[in-house]
Amino acid sequence: MTALVLAAQAQQGGGGMSMIVMLVLLFVIMWFFMIRPQQKKQKEIRNFQNSLREGDKVVTGGGIYGTVKRIDMATNKVEVEIARGVVIEVDKGYVFADANARMPQA
């Protein structure tokens, strides 16, 4: 009888350990397929925003295509010309993409 109780306790203890291993494995898989690619994408966007220059063609967070006219580092704002003579001011954090290949010709 005692042998059965000890065997049952050993199985329960092992089951708890395998559950922890499964949870750790699940977290590693989730990190590898979800969190890591998102961090890489954010780093690419941050590098792009830091390398902006006047004359670059960009896409804003609102989907507006334009050309960078001026960058104000003090206020972290970018002036983007969206049409001839139409200049908008957006936060540098909302300039997401290089539009050289996708910008429609005017």
PDB file of N, CA and C in Angstrom:
ATOM      1  N   MET A   1       0.820  -1.187   0.000  1.00  0.00           N
ATOM      2  CA  MET A   1       0.000   0.000   0.000  1.00  0.00           C
ATOM      3  C   MET A   1       0.864   1.251   0.000  1.00  0.00           C
ATOM      4  N   THR A   2       1.915   1.220   0.824  1.00  0.00           N
ATOM      5  CA  THR A   2       2.812   2.371   0.894  1.00  0.00           C
ATOM      6  C   THR A   2       3.499   2.609  -0.440  1.00  0.00           C
ATOM      7  N   ALA A   3       3.805   1.538  -1.139  1.00  0.00           N
ATOM      8  CA  ALA A   3       4.455   1.666  -2.447  1.00  0.00           C
ATOM      9  C   ALA A   3       3.540   2.380  -3.437  1.00  0.00           C
ATOM     10  N   LEU A   4       2.234   2.114  -3.369  1.00  0.00           N
ATOM     11  CA  LEU A   4       1.288   2.779  -4.256  1.00  0.00           C
ATOM     12  C   LEU A   4       1.196   4.278  -3.962  1.00  0.00           C
ATOM     13  N   VAL A   5       1.206   4.641  -2.699  1.00  0.00           N
ATOM     14  CA  VAL A   5       1.142   6.051  -2.311  1.00  0.00           C
ATOM     15  C   VAL A   5       2.391   6.775  -2.779  1.00  0.00           C
ATOM     16  N   LEU A   6       3.560   6.160  -2.582  1.00  0.00           N
ATOM     17  CA  LEU A   6       4.813   6.775  -3.020  1.00  0.00           C
ATOM     18  C   LEU A   6       4.861   6.915  -4.540  1.00  0.00           C
ATOM     19  N   ALA A   7       4.373   5.919  -5.251  1.00  0.00           N
ATOM     20  CA  ALA A   7       4.346   5.975  -6.710  1.00  0.00           C
ATOM     21  C   ALA A   7       3.404   7.086  -7.178  1.00  0.00           C
ATOM     22  N   ALA A   8       2.279   7.237  -6.521  1.00  0.00           N
ATOM     23  CA  ALA A   8       1.325   8.283  -6.884  1.00  0.00           C
ATOM     24  C   ALA A   8       1.921   9.667  -6.634  1.00  0.00           C
ATOM     25  N   GLN A   9       2.636   9.837  -5.525  1.00  0.00           N
ATOM     26  CA  GLN A   9       3.258  11.115  -5.220  1.00  0.00           C
ATOM     27  C   GLN A   9       4.368  11.431  -6.224  1.00  0.00           C
ATOM     28  N   ALA A  10       5.116  10.441  -6.640  1.00  0.00           N
ATOM     29  CA  ALA A  10       6.188  10.644  -7.616  1.00  0.00           C
ATOM     30  C   ALA A  10       5.602  11.080  -8.952  1.00  0.00           C
ATOM     31  N   GLN A  11       4.474  10.487  -9.326  1.00  0.00           N
ATOM     32  CA  GLN A  11       3.839  10.866 -10.581  1.00  0.00           C
ATOM     33  C   GLN A  11       3.301  12.287 -10.508  1.00  0.00           C
ATOM     34  N   GLN A  12       2.733  12.671  -9.404  1.00  0.00           N
ATOM     35  CA  GLN A  12       2.213  14.031  -9.255  1.00  0.00           C
ATOM     36  C   GLN A  12       3.341  15.039  -9.281  1.00  0.00           C
ATOM     37  N   GLY A  13       4.435  14.775  -8.617  1.00  0.00           N
ATOM     38  CA  GLY A  13       5.574  15.683  -8.600  1.00  0.00           C
ATOM     39  C   GLY A  13       6.171  15.836  -9.981  1.00  0.00           C
ATOM     40  N   GLY A  14       6.295  14.743 -10.691  1.00  0.00           N
ATOM     41  CA  GLY A  14       6.819  14.795 -12.049  1.00  0.00           C
ATOM     42  C   GLY A  14       5.878  15.537 -12.974  1.00  0.00           C
ATOM     43  N   GLY A  15       4.590  15.380 -12.754  1.00  0.00           N
ATOM     44  CA  GLY A  15       3.602  16.075 -13.578  1.00  0.00           C
ATOM     45  C   GLY A  15       3.679  17.578 -13.400  1.00  0.00           C
ATOM     46  N   GLY A  16       3.932  18.020 -12.175  1.00  0.00           N
ATOM     47  CA  GLY A  16       4.072  19.457 -11.919  1.00  0.00           C
ATOM     48  C   GLY A  16       5.306  20.026 -12.593  1.00  0.00           C
ATOM     49  N   MET A  17       6.373  19.241 -12.579  1.00  0.00           N
ATOM     50  CA  MET A  17       7.612  19.691 -13.207  1.00  0.00           C
ATOM     51  C   MET A  17       7.451  19.765 -14.718  1.00  0.00           C
ATOM     52  N   SER A  18       6.757  18.788 -15.289  1.00  0.00           N
ATOM     53  CA  SER A  18       6.556  18.824 -16.739  1.00  0.00           C
ATOM     54  C   SER A  18       5.652  19.989 -17.137  1.00  0.00           C
ATOM     55  N   MET A  19       4.733  20.379 -16.261  1.00  0.00           N
ATOM     56  CA  MET A  19       3.869  21.527 -16.532  1.00  0.00           C
ATOM     57  C   MET A  19       4.699  22.819 -16.569  1.00  0.00           C
ATOM     58  N   ILE A  20       5.637  22.932 -15.651  1.00  0.00           N
ATOM     59  CA  ILE A  20       6.509  24.116 -15.637  1.00  0.00           C
ATOM     60  C   ILE A  20       7.364  24.157 -16.895  1.00  0.00           C
ATOM     61  N   VAL A  21       7.896  23.020 -17.288  1.00  0.00           N
ATOM     62  CA  VAL A  21       8.703  22.935 -18.500  1.00  0.00           C
ATOM     63  C   VAL A  21       7.867  23.327 -19.713  1.00  0.00           C
ATOM     64  N   MET A  22       6.633  22.858 -19.777  1.00  0.00           N
ATOM     65  CA  MET A  22       5.744  23.198 -20.892  1.00  0.00           C
ATOM     66  C   MET A  22       5.456  24.695 -20.939  1.00  0.00           C
ATOM     67  N   LEU A  23       5.220  25.305 -19.771  1.00  0.00           N
ATOM     68  CA  LEU A  23       4.963  26.745 -19.732  1.00  0.00           C
ATOM     69  C   LEU A  23       6.183  27.541 -20.188  1.00  0.00           C
ATOM     70  N   VAL A  24       7.354  27.136 -19.738  1.00  0.00           N
ATOM     71  CA  VAL A  24       8.590  27.814 -20.166  1.00  0.00           C
ATOM     72  C   VAL A  24       8.780  27.646 -21.664  1.00  0.00           C
ATOM     73  N   LEU A  25       8.560  26.450 -22.163  1.00  0.00           N
ATOM     74  CA  LEU A  25       8.680  26.199 -23.590  1.00  0.00           C
ATOM     75  C   LEU A  25       7.683  27.035 -24.383  1.00  0.00           C
ATOM     76  N   LEU A  26       6.472  27.142 -23.907  1.00  0.00           N
ATOM     77  CA  LEU A  26       5.453  27.954 -24.565  1.00  0.00           C
ATOM     78  C   LEU A  26       5.872  29.424 -24.604  1.00  0.00           C
ATOM     79  N   PHE A  27       6.417  29.931 -23.495  1.00  0.00           N
ATOM     80  CA  PHE A  27       6.873  31.315 -23.461  1.00  0.00           C
ATOM     81  C   PHE A  27       8.026  31.547 -24.432  1.00  0.00           C
ATOM     82  N   VAL A  28       8.961  30.610 -24.509  1.00  0.00           N
ATOM     83  CA  VAL A  28      10.100  30.744 -25.427  1.00  0.00           C
ATOM     84  C   VAL A  28       9.616  30.771 -26.870  1.00  0.00           C
ATOM     85  N   ILE A  29       8.686  29.907 -27.197  1.00  0.00           N
ATOM     86  CA  ILE A  29       8.142  29.878 -28.563  1.00  0.00           C
ATOM     87  C   ILE A  29       7.411  31.184 -28.868  1.00  0.00           C
ATOM     88  N   MET A  30       6.613  31.657 -27.918  1.00  0.00           N
ATOM     89  CA  MET A  30       5.886  32.916 -28.125  1.00  0.00           C
ATOM     90  C   MET A  30       6.866  34.074 -28.295  1.00  0.00           C
ATOM     91  N   TRP A  31       7.920  34.109 -27.504  1.00  0.00           N
ATOM     92  CA  TRP A  31       8.909  35.176 -27.617  1.00  0.00           C
ATOM     93  C   TRP A  31       9.587  35.117 -28.974  1.00  0.00           C
ATOM     94  N   PHE A  32       9.942  33.920 -29.421  1.00  0.00           N
ATOM     95  CA  PHE A  32      10.670  33.766 -30.672  1.00  0.00           C
ATOM     96  C   PHE A  32       9.831  34.161 -31.881  1.00  0.00           C
ATOM     97  N   PHE A  33       8.538  33.848 -31.866  1.00  0.00           N
ATOM     98  CA  PHE A  33       7.696  34.110 -33.031  1.00  0.00           C
ATOM     99  C   PHE A  33       6.906  35.415 -32.962  1.00  0.00           C
ATOM    100  N   MET A  34       6.707  35.994 -31.775  1.00  0.00           N
ATOM    101  CA  MET A  34       5.868  37.185 -31.672  1.00  0.00           C
ATOM    102  C   MET A  34       6.623  38.406 -31.157  1.00  0.00           C
ATOM    103  N   ILE A  35       7.276  38.280 -30.036  1.00  0.00           N
ATOM    104  CA  ILE A  35       7.886  39.439 -29.390  1.00  0.00           C
ATOM    105  C   ILE A  35       9.160  39.864 -30.101  1.00  0.00           C
ATOM    106  N   ARG A  36      10.030  38.933 -30.423  1.00  0.00           N
ATOM    107  CA  ARG A  36      11.307  39.259 -31.061  1.00  0.00           C
ATOM    108  C   ARG A  36      11.129  39.954 -32.410  1.00  0.00           C
ATOM    109  N   PRO A  37      10.282  39.463 -33.322  1.00  0.00           N
ATOM    110  CA  PRO A  37      10.104  40.178 -34.595  1.00  0.00           C
ATOM    111  C   PRO A  37       9.545  41.587 -34.405  1.00  0.00           C
ATOM    112  N   GLN A  38       8.656  41.762 -33.426  1.00  0.00           N
ATOM    113  CA  GLN A  38       8.099  43.096 -33.170  1.00  0.00           C
ATOM    114  C   GLN A  38       9.178  44.045 -32.666  1.00  0.00           C
ATOM    115  N   GLN A  39      10.069  43.557 -31.814  1.00  0.00           N
ATOM    116  CA  GLN A  39      11.166  44.393 -31.327  1.00  0.00           C
ATOM    117  C   GLN A  39      12.102  44.783 -32.459  1.00  0.00           C
ATOM    118  N   LYS A  40      12.362  43.857 -33.377  1.00  0.00           N
ATOM    119  CA  LYS A  40      13.205  44.165 -34.535  1.00  0.00           C
ATOM    120  C   LYS A  40      12.559  45.237 -35.405  1.00  0.00           C
ATOM    121  N   LYS A  41      11.263  45.126 -35.638  1.00  0.00           N
ATOM    122  CA  LYS A  41      10.541  46.095 -36.461  1.00  0.00           C
ATOM    123  C   LYS A  41      10.574  47.478 -35.813  1.00  0.00           C
ATOM    124  N   GLN A  42      10.361  47.540 -34.499  1.00  0.00           N
ATOM    125  CA  GLN A  42      10.410  48.816 -33.793  1.00  0.00           C
ATOM    126  C   GLN A  42      11.798  49.438 -33.880  1.00  0.00           C
ATOM    127  N   LYS A  43      12.831  48.622 -33.810  1.00  0.00           N
ATOM    128  CA  LYS A  43      14.197  49.127 -33.911  1.00  0.00           C
ATOM    129  C   LYS A  43      14.452  49.698 -35.306  1.00  0.00           C
ATOM    130  N   GLU A  44      13.966  49.010 -36.346  1.00  0.00           N
ATOM    131  CA  GLU A  44      14.116  49.507 -37.715  1.00  0.00           C
ATOM    132  C   GLU A  44      13.415  50.849 -37.890  1.00  0.00           C
ATOM    133  N   ILE A  45      12.202  50.975 -37.351  1.00  0.00           N
ATOM    134  CA  ILE A  45      11.453  52.232 -37.459  1.00  0.00           C
ATOM    135  C   ILE A  45      12.192  53.344 -36.726  1.00  0.00           C
ATOM    136  N   ARG A  46      12.697  53.056 -35.526  1.00  0.00           N
ATOM    137  CA  ARG A  46      13.433  54.056 -34.748  1.00  0.00           C
ATOM    138  C   ARG A  46      14.687  54.510 -35.493  1.00  0.00           C
ATOM    139  N   ASN A  47      15.421  53.562 -36.107  1.00  0.00           N
ATOM    140  CA  ASN A  47      16.604  53.912 -36.890  1.00  0.00           C
ATOM    141  C   ASN A  47      16.231  54.766 -38.092  1.00  0.00           C
ATOM    142  N   PHE A  48      15.103  54.432 -38.754  1.00  0.00           N
ATOM    143  CA  PHE A  48      14.644  55.229 -39.888  1.00  0.00           C
ATOM    144  C   PHE A  48      14.300  56.649 -39.444  1.00  0.00           C
ATOM    145  N   GLN A  49      13.588  56.784 -38.335  1.00  0.00           N
ATOM    146  CA  GLN A  49      13.212  58.110 -37.849  1.00  0.00           C
ATOM    147  C   GLN A  49      14.430  58.939 -37.476  1.00  0.00           C
ATOM    148  N   ASN A  50      15.451  58.310 -36.915  1.00  0.00           N
ATOM    149  CA  ASN A  50      16.657  59.035 -36.537  1.00  0.00           C
ATOM    150  C   ASN A  50      17.512  59.416 -37.729  1.00  0.00           C
ATOM    151  N   SER A  51      17.338  58.736 -38.870  1.00  0.00           N
ATOM    152  CA  SER A  51      18.139  59.038 -40.056  1.00  0.00           C
ATOM    153  C   SER A  51      17.395  59.906 -41.067  1.00  0.00           C
ATOM    154  N   LEU A  52      16.255  60.470 -40.690  1.00  0.00           N
ATOM    155  CA  LEU A  52      15.502  61.328 -41.610  1.00  0.00           C
ATOM    156  C   LEU A  52      16.329  62.533 -42.022  1.00  0.00           C
ATOM    157  N   ARG A  53      16.204  62.897 -43.294  1.00  0.00           N
ATOM    158  CA  ARG A  53      16.861  64.099 -43.821  1.00  0.00           C
ATOM    159  C   ARG A  53      15.852  64.876 -44.643  1.00  0.00           C
ATOM    160  N   GLU A  54      16.137  66.140 -44.839  1.00  0.00           N
ATOM    161  CA  GLU A  54      15.267  66.960 -45.685  1.00  0.00           C
ATOM    162  C   GLU A  54      15.294  66.397 -47.093  1.00  0.00           C
ATOM    163  N   GLY A  55      14.123  66.324 -47.712  1.00  0.00           N
ATOM    164  CA  GLY A  55      13.995  65.787 -49.056  1.00  0.00           C
ATOM    165  C   GLY A  55      13.587  64.325 -49.101  1.00  0.00           C
ATOM    166  N   ASP A  56      13.620  63.629 -47.977  1.00  0.00           N
ATOM    167  CA  ASP A  56      13.190  62.224 -47.942  1.00  0.00           C
ATOM    168  C   ASP A  56      11.688  62.141 -48.157  1.00  0.00           C
ATOM    169  N   LYS A  57      11.270  61.144 -48.909  1.00  0.00           N
ATOM    170  CA  LYS A  57       9.844  60.905 -49.122  1.00  0.00           C
ATOM    171  C   LYS A  57       9.390  59.905 -48.068  1.00  0.00           C
ATOM    172  N   VAL A  58       8.312  60.238 -47.366  1.00  0.00           N
ATOM    173  CA  VAL A  58       7.886  59.449 -46.214  1.00  0.00           C
ATOM    174  C   VAL A  58       6.385  59.201 -46.232  1.00  0.00           C
ATOM    175  N   VAL A  59       5.968  58.282 -45.346  1.00  0.00           N
ATOM    176  CA  VAL A  59       4.559  58.021 -45.086  1.00  0.00           C
ATOM    177  C   VAL A  59       4.353  58.246 -43.596  1.00  0.00           C
ATOM    178  N   THR A  60       3.345  59.037 -43.242  1.00  0.00           N
ATOM    179  CA  THR A  60       3.064  59.297 -41.833  1.00  0.00           C
ATOM    180  C   THR A  60       2.179  58.192 -41.263  1.00  0.00           C
ATOM    181  N   GLY A  61       1.987  58.233 -39.961  1.00  0.00           N
ATOM    182  CA  GLY A  61       1.146  57.251 -39.291  1.00  0.00           C
ATOM    183  C   GLY A  61      -0.292  57.292 -39.768  1.00  0.00           C
ATOM    184  N   GLY A  62      -0.737  58.422 -40.275  1.00  0.00           N
ATOM    185  CA  GLY A  62      -2.100  58.547 -40.784  1.00  0.00           C
ATOM    186  C   GLY A  62      -2.234  58.135 -42.235  1.00  0.00           C
ATOM    187  N   GLY A  63      -1.124  57.695 -42.838  1.00  0.00           N
ATOM    188  CA  GLY A  63      -1.168  57.259 -44.231  1.00  0.00           C
ATOM    189  C   GLY A  63      -0.962  58.368 -45.228  1.00  0.00           C
ATOM    190  N   ILE A  64      -0.453  59.496 -44.791  1.00  0.00           N
ATOM    191  CA  ILE A  64      -0.229  60.641 -45.681  1.00  0.00           C
ATOM    192  C   ILE A  64       1.170  60.547 -46.265  1.00  0.00           C
ATOM    193  N   TYR A  65       1.247  60.612 -47.600  1.00  0.00           N
ATOM    194  CA  TYR A  65       2.528  60.588 -48.297  1.00  0.00           C
ATOM    195  C   TYR A  65       3.012  62.024 -48.451  1.00  0.00           C
ATOM    196  N   GLY A  66       4.320  62.228 -48.300  1.00  0.00           N
ATOM    197  CA  GLY A  66       4.860  63.566 -48.457  1.00  0.00           C
ATOM    198  C   GLY A  66       6.371  63.557 -48.477  1.00  0.00           C
ATOM    199  N   THR A  67       6.929  64.774 -48.526  1.00  0.00           N
ATOM    200  CA  THR A  67       8.368  64.973 -48.565  1.00  0.00           C
ATOM    201  C   THR A  67       8.778  65.803 -47.361  1.00  0.00           C
ATOM    202  N   VAL A  68       9.824  65.378 -46.679  1.00  0.00           N
ATOM    203  CA  VAL A  68      10.310  66.097 -45.494  1.00  0.00           C
ATOM    204  C   VAL A  68      10.905  67.425 -45.945  1.00  0.00           C
ATOM    205  N   LYS A  69      10.415  68.513 -45.369  1.00  0.00           N
ATOM    206  CA  LYS A  69      10.924  69.850 -45.684  1.00  0.00           C
ATOM    207  C   LYS A  69      11.838  70.377 -44.594  1.00  0.00           C
ATOM    208  N   ARG A  70      11.521  70.077 -43.348  1.00  0.00           N
ATOM    209  CA  ARG A  70      12.333  70.586 -42.245  1.00  0.00           C
ATOM    210  C   ARG A  70      12.164  69.663 -41.052  1.00  0.00           C
ATOM    211  N   ILE A  71      13.249  69.494 -40.314  1.00  0.00           N
ATOM    212  CA  ILE A  71      13.224  68.674 -39.102  1.00  0.00           C
ATOM    213  C   ILE A  71      13.650  69.557 -37.943  1.00  0.00           C
ATOM    214  N   ASP A  72      12.793  69.658 -36.934  1.00  0.00           N
ATOM    215  CA  ASP A  72      13.089  70.446 -35.744  1.00  0.00           C
ATOM    216  C   ASP A  72      13.442  69.480 -34.616  1.00  0.00           C
ATOM    217  N   MET A  73      14.742  69.371 -34.339  1.00  0.00           N
ATOM    218  CA  MET A  73      15.195  68.421 -33.317  1.00  0.00           C
ATOM    219  C   MET A  73      14.806  68.866 -31.905  1.00  0.00           C
ATOM    220  N   ALA A  74      14.657  70.166 -31.692  1.00  0.00           N
ATOM    221  CA  ALA A  74      14.326  70.674 -30.358  1.00  0.00           C
ATOM    222  C   ALA A  74      12.926  70.234 -29.929  1.00  0.00           C
ATOM    223  N   THR A  75      11.970  70.310 -30.847  1.00  0.00           N
ATOM    224  CA  THR A  75      10.591  69.939 -30.516  1.00  0.00           C
ATOM    225  C   THR A  75      10.229  68.544 -31.025  1.00  0.00           C
ATOM    226  N   ASN A  76      11.167  67.892 -31.740  1.00  0.00           N
ATOM    227  CA  ASN A  76      10.949  66.542 -32.271  1.00  0.00           C
ATOM    228  C   ASN A  76       9.791  66.506 -33.263  1.00  0.00           C
ATOM    229  N   LYS A  77       9.712  67.551 -34.107  1.00  0.00           N
ATOM    230  CA  LYS A  77       8.658  67.639 -35.111  1.00  0.00           C
ATOM    231  C   LYS A  77       9.264  67.701 -36.503  1.00  0.00           C
ATOM    232  N   VAL A  78       8.482  67.249 -37.474  1.00  0.00           N
ATOM    233  CA  VAL A  78       8.910  67.217 -38.866  1.00  0.00           C
ATOM    234  C   VAL A  78       7.862  67.947 -39.699  1.00  0.00           C
ATOM    235  N   GLU A  79       8.333  68.821 -40.585  1.00  0.00           N
ATOM    236  CA  GLU A  79       7.417  69.467 -41.531  1.00  0.00           C
ATOM    237  C   GLU A  79       7.436  68.644 -42.808  1.00  0.00           C
ATOM    238  N   VAL A  80       6.243  68.219 -43.232  1.00  0.00           N
ATOM    239  CA  VAL A  80       6.097  67.357 -44.403  1.00  0.00           C
ATOM    240  C   VAL A  80       5.239  68.079 -45.428  1.00  0.00           C
ATOM    241  N   GLU A  81       5.767  68.203 -46.651  1.00  0.00           N
ATOM    242  CA  GLU A  81       5.004  68.812 -47.738  1.00  0.00           C
ATOM    243  C   GLU A  81       4.203  67.710 -48.413  1.00  0.00           C
ATOM    244  N   ILE A  82       2.866  67.858 -48.384  1.00  0.00           N
ATOM    245  CA  ILE A  82       2.005  66.819 -48.949  1.00  0.00           C
ATOM    246  C   ILE A  82       1.483  67.193 -50.333  1.00  0.00           C
ATOM    247  N   ALA A  83       1.566  68.461 -50.676  1.00  0.00           N
ATOM    248  CA  ALA A  83       1.238  68.957 -52.004  1.00  0.00           C
ATOM    249  C   ALA A  83       2.005  70.269 -52.175  1.00  0.00           C
ATOM    250  N   ARG A  84       2.071  70.785 -53.377  1.00  0.00           N
ATOM    251  CA  ARG A  84       2.811  72.041 -53.579  1.00  0.00           C
ATOM    252  C   ARG A  84       2.250  73.128 -52.680  1.00  0.00           C
ATOM    253  N   GLY A  85       3.088  73.623 -51.804  1.00  0.00           N
ATOM    254  CA  GLY A  85       2.698  74.709 -50.918  1.00  0.00           C
ATOM    255  C   GLY A  85       1.909  74.283 -49.692  1.00  0.00           C
ATOM    256  N   VAL A  86       1.609  73.015 -49.565  1.00  0.00           N
ATOM    257  CA  VAL A  86       0.857  72.526 -48.408  1.00  0.00           C
ATOM    258  C   VAL A  86       1.818  71.747 -47.508  1.00  0.00           C
ATOM    259  N   VAL A  87       2.135  72.360 -46.368  1.00  0.00           N
ATOM    260  CA  VAL A  87       3.093  71.759 -45.438  1.00  0.00           C
ATOM    261  C   VAL A  87       2.374  71.495 -44.123  1.00  0.00           C
ATOM    262  N   ILE A  88       2.504  70.274 -43.633  1.00  0.00           N
ATOM    263  CA  ILE A  88       1.930  69.928 -42.331  1.00  0.00           C
ATOM    264  C   ILE A  88       3.071  69.617 -41.373  1.00  0.00           C
ATOM    265  N   GLU A  89       2.788  69.789 -40.100  1.00  0.00           N
ATOM    266  CA  GLU A  89       3.780  69.500 -39.073  1.00  0.00           C
ATOM    267  C   GLU A  89       3.310  68.262 -38.303  1.00  0.00           C
ATOM    268  N   VAL A  90       4.162  67.241 -38.249  1.00  0.00           N
ATOM    269  CA  VAL A  90       3.818  66.021 -37.537  1.00  0.00           C
ATOM    270  C   VAL A  90       4.932  65.682 -36.558  1.00  0.00           C
ATOM    271  N   ASP A  91       4.584  64.928 -35.547  1.00  0.00           N
ATOM    272  CA  ASP A  91       5.575  64.450 -34.595  1.00  0.00           C
ATOM    273  C   ASP A  91       6.481  63.445 -35.307  1.00  0.00           C
ATOM    274  N   LYS A  92       7.759  63.501 -34.998  1.00  0.00           N
ATOM    275  CA  LYS A  92       8.731  62.617 -35.643  1.00  0.00           C
ATOM    276  C   LYS A  92       8.400  61.142 -35.409  1.00  0.00           C
ATOM    277  N   GLY A  93       7.764  60.839 -34.296  1.00  0.00           N
ATOM    278  CA  GLY A  93       7.393  59.463 -33.979  1.00  0.00           C
ATOM    279  C   GLY A  93       6.292  58.908 -34.869  1.00  0.00           C
ATOM    280  N   TYR A  94       5.635  59.762 -35.648  1.00  0.00           N
ATOM    281  CA  TYR A  94       4.555  59.311 -36.529  1.00  0.00           C
ATOM    282  C   TYR A  94       4.970  59.260 -37.991  1.00  0.00           C
ATOM    283  N   VAL A  95       6.263  59.360 -38.249  1.00  0.00           N
ATOM    284  CA  VAL A  95       6.789  59.164 -39.594  1.00  0.00           C
ATOM    285  C   VAL A  95       7.359  57.753 -39.604  1.00  0.00           C
ATOM    286  N   PHE A  96       6.677  56.841 -40.319  1.00  0.00           N
ATOM    287  CA  PHE A  96       6.981  55.425 -40.193  1.00  0.00           C
ATOM    288  C   PHE A  96       7.732  54.800 -41.350  1.00  0.00           C
ATOM    289  N   ALA A  97       7.553  55.281 -42.562  1.00  0.00           N
ATOM    290  CA  ALA A  97       8.077  54.505 -43.683  1.00  0.00           C
ATOM    291  C   ALA A  97       8.685  55.395 -44.755  1.00  0.00           C
ATOM    292  N   ASP A  98       9.617  54.808 -45.481  1.00  0.00           N
ATOM    293  CA  ASP A  98      10.227  55.433 -46.643  1.00  0.00           C
ATOM    294  C   ASP A  98       9.299  55.192 -47.827  1.00  0.00           C
ATOM    295  N   ALA A  99       8.917  56.252 -48.495  1.00  0.00           N
ATOM    296  CA  ALA A  99       7.920  56.121 -49.560  1.00  0.00           C
ATOM    297  C   ALA A  99       8.519  56.268 -50.945  1.00  0.00           C
ATOM    298  N   ASN A 100       9.822  56.170 -51.095  1.00  0.00           N
ATOM    299  CA  ASN A 100      10.438  56.359 -52.411  1.00  0.00           C
ATOM    300  C   ASN A 100       9.841  55.440 -53.466  1.00  0.00           C
ATOM    301  N   ALA A 101       9.633  54.196 -53.154  1.00  0.00           N
ATOM    302  CA  ALA A 101       9.110  53.244 -54.134  1.00  0.00           C
ATOM    303  C   ALA A 101       7.603  53.300 -54.246  1.00  0.00           C
ATOM    304  N   ARG A 102       6.914  53.778 -53.194  1.00  0.00           N
ATOM    305  CA  ARG A 102       5.448  53.712 -53.195  1.00  0.00           C
ATOM    306  C   ARG A 102       4.771  55.050 -53.436  1.00  0.00           C
ATOM    307  N   MET A 103       5.516  56.148 -53.468  1.00  0.00           N
ATOM    308  CA  MET A 103       4.891  57.463 -53.570  1.00  0.00           C
ATOM    309  C   MET A 103       4.332  57.705 -54.967  1.00  0.00           C
ATOM    310  N   PRO A 104       3.079  58.094 -55.067  1.00  0.00           N
ATOM    311  CA  PRO A 104       2.494  58.361 -56.372  1.00  0.00           C
ATOM    312  C   PRO A 104       3.132  59.591 -57.007  1.00  0.00           C
ATOM    313  N   GLN A 105       3.264  59.553 -58.329  1.00  0.00           N
ATOM    314  CA  GLN A 105       3.846  60.682 -59.043  1.00  0.00           C
ATOM    315  C   GLN A 105       2.812  61.786 -59.218  1.00  0.00           C
ATOM    316  N   ALA A 106       3.212  63.022 -58.939  1.00  0.00           N
ATOM    317  CA  ALA A 106       2.283  64.172 -59.037  1.00  0.00           C
ATOM    318  C   ALA A 106       2.322  64.776 -60.412  1.00  0.00           C
TER     319      ALA A 106
END
